[in-house]
Amino acid sequence: MTDRNELYDIIEKSNISAKEAIKLIKAINSKNTESVSHLSSTTQSDKIGKYVIVRCRDAGVHAGILVSTDGRSCSLKESRRLWYWKPANGSAFLSGIARYGLDKSSRLGEAVHIELTENCEIIVCSEESANSISSFESYTPTK
């Protein structure tokens, strides 16, 4: 049986989804940890190869294809830095971007391969969102 401290460590270190974290919190509160003790950092491996949005503590927000993940670090290819972002369709938050894509007022960097650390969340994008982000024009500041 997994104890409370182990579950908190899983939440903190594994970048699990919000839905999985809620399950863990409910299990902690109900002391029914057997039903969720299988959740760990390996849950992120299901996202490898998918187009994702990654929010980092210090590096901002990036979107690209997840190559690998290890704890709070990950590698993205075809990664775009979302320097200024606004979700399409009047939706809100990064989850809105992951579902609907970007508003035309957003500002993105050029596509690169990047290693990110201190990831706070990894969100899988819809096909619509992935197309919106990957085809978005790169922002070039004017002098």
Protein backbone atom coordinates (compact mmCIF):
# COMPACT_ATOMS: atom_id res chain seq x y z
CA MET A 1 0.00 0.00 0.00
CA THR A 2 1.25 3.46 -0.89
CA ASP A 3 1.25 5.97 1.98
CA ARG A 4 0.30 9.66 1.85
CA ASN A 5 3.88 10.91 1.58
CA GLU A 6 4.56 8.62 -1.37
CA LEU A 7 1.42 9.89 -3.13
CA TYR A 8 2.43 13.51 -2.58
CA ASP A 9 5.88 12.66 -4.00
CA ILE A 10 4.23 11.09 -7.06
CA ILE A 11 2.18 14.24 -7.64
CA GLU A 12 5.18 16.53 -7.18
CA LYS A 13 7.75 14.59 -9.23
CA SER A 14 5.83 12.93 -12.01
CA ASN A 15 4.05 15.71 -13.93
CA ILE A 16 0.85 13.66 -13.89
CA SER A 17 -2.24 15.20 -15.44
CA ALA A 18 -4.66 17.28 -13.42
CA LYS A 19 -7.24 14.49 -13.68
CA GLU A 20 -4.77 11.95 -12.27
CA ALA A 21 -3.76 14.37 -9.50
CA ILE A 22 -7.40 14.82 -8.51
CA LYS A 23 -7.77 11.02 -8.31
CA LEU A 24 -4.72 10.89 -6.06
CA ILE A 25 -5.96 13.70 -3.83
CA LYS A 26 -9.36 12.01 -3.47
CA ALA A 27 -7.60 8.76 -2.61
CA ILE A 28 -5.44 10.52 -0.03
CA ASN A 29 -8.48 12.16 1.52
CA SER A 30 -10.44 8.91 1.56
CA LYS A 31 -7.39 6.83 2.58
CA ASN A 32 -8.14 4.52 -0.35
CA THR A 33 -4.71 4.47 -1.90
CA GLU A 34 -4.83 0.98 -3.41
CA SER A 35 -7.00 2.21 -6.31
CA VAL A 36 -4.37 4.70 -7.48
CA SER A 37 -1.08 3.27 -6.24
CA HIS A 38 -0.20 2.25 -9.83
CA LEU A 39 0.17 5.92 -10.87
CA SER A 40 3.76 7.12 -11.08
CA SER A 41 6.11 9.06 -13.33
CA THR A 42 5.63 6.38 -15.97
CA THR A 43 2.22 7.91 -16.75
CA GLN A 44 4.04 10.56 -18.78
CA SER A 45 5.50 7.91 -21.11
CA ASP A 46 2.02 7.52 -22.66
CA LYS A 47 2.47 11.03 -24.08
CA ILE A 48 5.76 10.33 -25.92
CA GLY A 49 5.37 10.99 -29.65
CA LYS A 50 2.35 13.24 -29.14
CA TYR A 51 2.12 16.98 -29.69
CA VAL A 52 2.07 18.57 -26.23
CA ILE A 53 2.20 21.88 -24.41
CA VAL A 54 4.75 22.06 -21.59
CA ARG A 55 4.66 24.75 -18.92
CA CYS A 56 7.97 25.18 -17.10
CA ARG A 57 8.80 26.98 -13.88
CA ASP A 58 11.54 29.17 -15.39
CA ALA A 59 11.50 28.57 -19.17
CA GLY A 60 7.92 29.55 -19.94
CA VAL A 61 5.54 27.66 -22.20
CA HIS A 62 6.58 25.45 -25.12
CA ALA A 63 4.69 23.24 -27.56
CA GLY A 64 6.10 20.41 -29.63
CA ILE A 65 6.43 16.66 -30.03
CA LEU A 66 7.41 14.94 -26.79
CA VAL A 67 10.58 12.89 -27.36
CA SER A 68 11.30 11.84 -23.79
CA THR A 69 10.42 12.62 -20.20
CA ASP A 70 12.21 11.94 -16.94
CA GLY A 71 10.72 13.29 -13.74
CA ARG A 72 10.35 17.04 -14.20
CA SER A 73 12.48 17.19 -17.37
CA CYS A 74 11.55 16.49 -20.96
CA SER A 75 12.78 16.81 -24.51
CA LEU A 76 10.68 18.29 -27.33
CA LYS A 77 11.32 18.31 -31.07
CA GLU A 78 9.74 20.87 -33.40
CA SER A 79 9.24 22.93 -30.23
CA ARG A 80 7.75 26.41 -30.39
CA ARG A 81 8.14 28.86 -27.50
CA LEU A 82 4.78 30.47 -26.78
CA TRP A 83 6.12 33.92 -25.95
CA TYR A 84 2.66 35.49 -25.82
CA TRP A 85 -0.36 33.25 -26.04
CA LYS A 86 -4.11 33.61 -26.23
CA PRO A 87 -6.43 30.65 -26.81
CA ALA A 88 -8.65 30.56 -29.89
CA ASN A 89 -12.45 30.61 -29.72
CA GLY A 90 -12.47 32.80 -26.62
CA SER A 91 -11.50 29.87 -24.43
CA ALA A 92 -9.22 30.27 -21.44
CA PHE A 93 -5.92 28.96 -20.07
CA LEU A 94 -3.37 26.62 -21.63
CA SER A 95 -5.99 23.88 -21.68
CA GLY A 96 -7.94 26.06 -24.13
CA ILE A 97 -4.91 26.24 -26.39
CA ALA A 98 -4.42 22.47 -26.10
CA ARG A 99 -7.99 21.96 -27.23
CA TYR A 100 -8.65 24.76 -29.75
CA GLY A 101 -5.30 26.25 -30.76
CA LEU A 102 -4.07 29.83 -30.82
CA ASP A 103 -5.68 33.20 -31.35
CA LYS A 104 -4.06 35.22 -34.15
CA SER A 105 -2.65 37.72 -31.60
CA SER A 106 -0.33 35.08 -30.09
CA ARG A 107 3.48 35.27 -30.55
CA LEU A 108 5.60 32.16 -31.09
CA GLY A 109 9.28 31.46 -31.66
CA GLU A 110 10.78 29.34 -34.41
CA ALA A 111 10.71 25.55 -34.15
CA VAL A 112 13.73 24.02 -32.37
CA HIS A 113 14.74 20.90 -30.44
CA ILE A 114 14.82 21.76 -26.73
CA GLU A 115 15.53 20.16 -23.37
CA LEU A 116 13.23 21.54 -20.66
CA THR A 117 13.60 21.28 -16.89
CA GLU A 118 11.32 22.08 -13.98
CA ASN A 119 8.20 21.16 -15.94
CA CYS A 120 4.98 22.01 -14.13
CA GLU A 121 2.59 20.35 -16.55
CA ILE A 122 2.45 18.50 -19.84
CA ILE A 123 -0.83 18.75 -21.77
CA VAL A 124 -1.61 16.64 -24.84
CA CYS A 125 -2.94 18.75 -27.73
CA SER A 126 -5.87 18.00 -29.98
CA GLU A 127 -5.14 17.60 -33.69
CA GLU A 128 -6.72 21.03 -34.26
CA SER A 129 -4.41 22.61 -31.69
CA ALA A 130 -1.28 20.84 -32.94
CA ASN A 131 -1.99 22.10 -36.47
CA SER A 132 -2.66 25.62 -35.19
CA ILE A 133 0.60 25.79 -33.23
CA SER A 134 2.89 24.03 -35.71
CA SER A 135 1.71 26.15 -38.65
CA PHE A 136 1.64 29.45 -36.74
CA GLU A 137 3.91 32.16 -38.18
CA SER A 138 7.07 32.79 -36.14
CA TYR A 139 7.19 36.16 -34.45
CA THR A 140 9.95 38.54 -35.55
CA PRO A 141 10.31 41.68 -33.43
CA THR A 142 10.56 44.95 -35.32
CA LYS A 143 13.49 47.23 -34.63
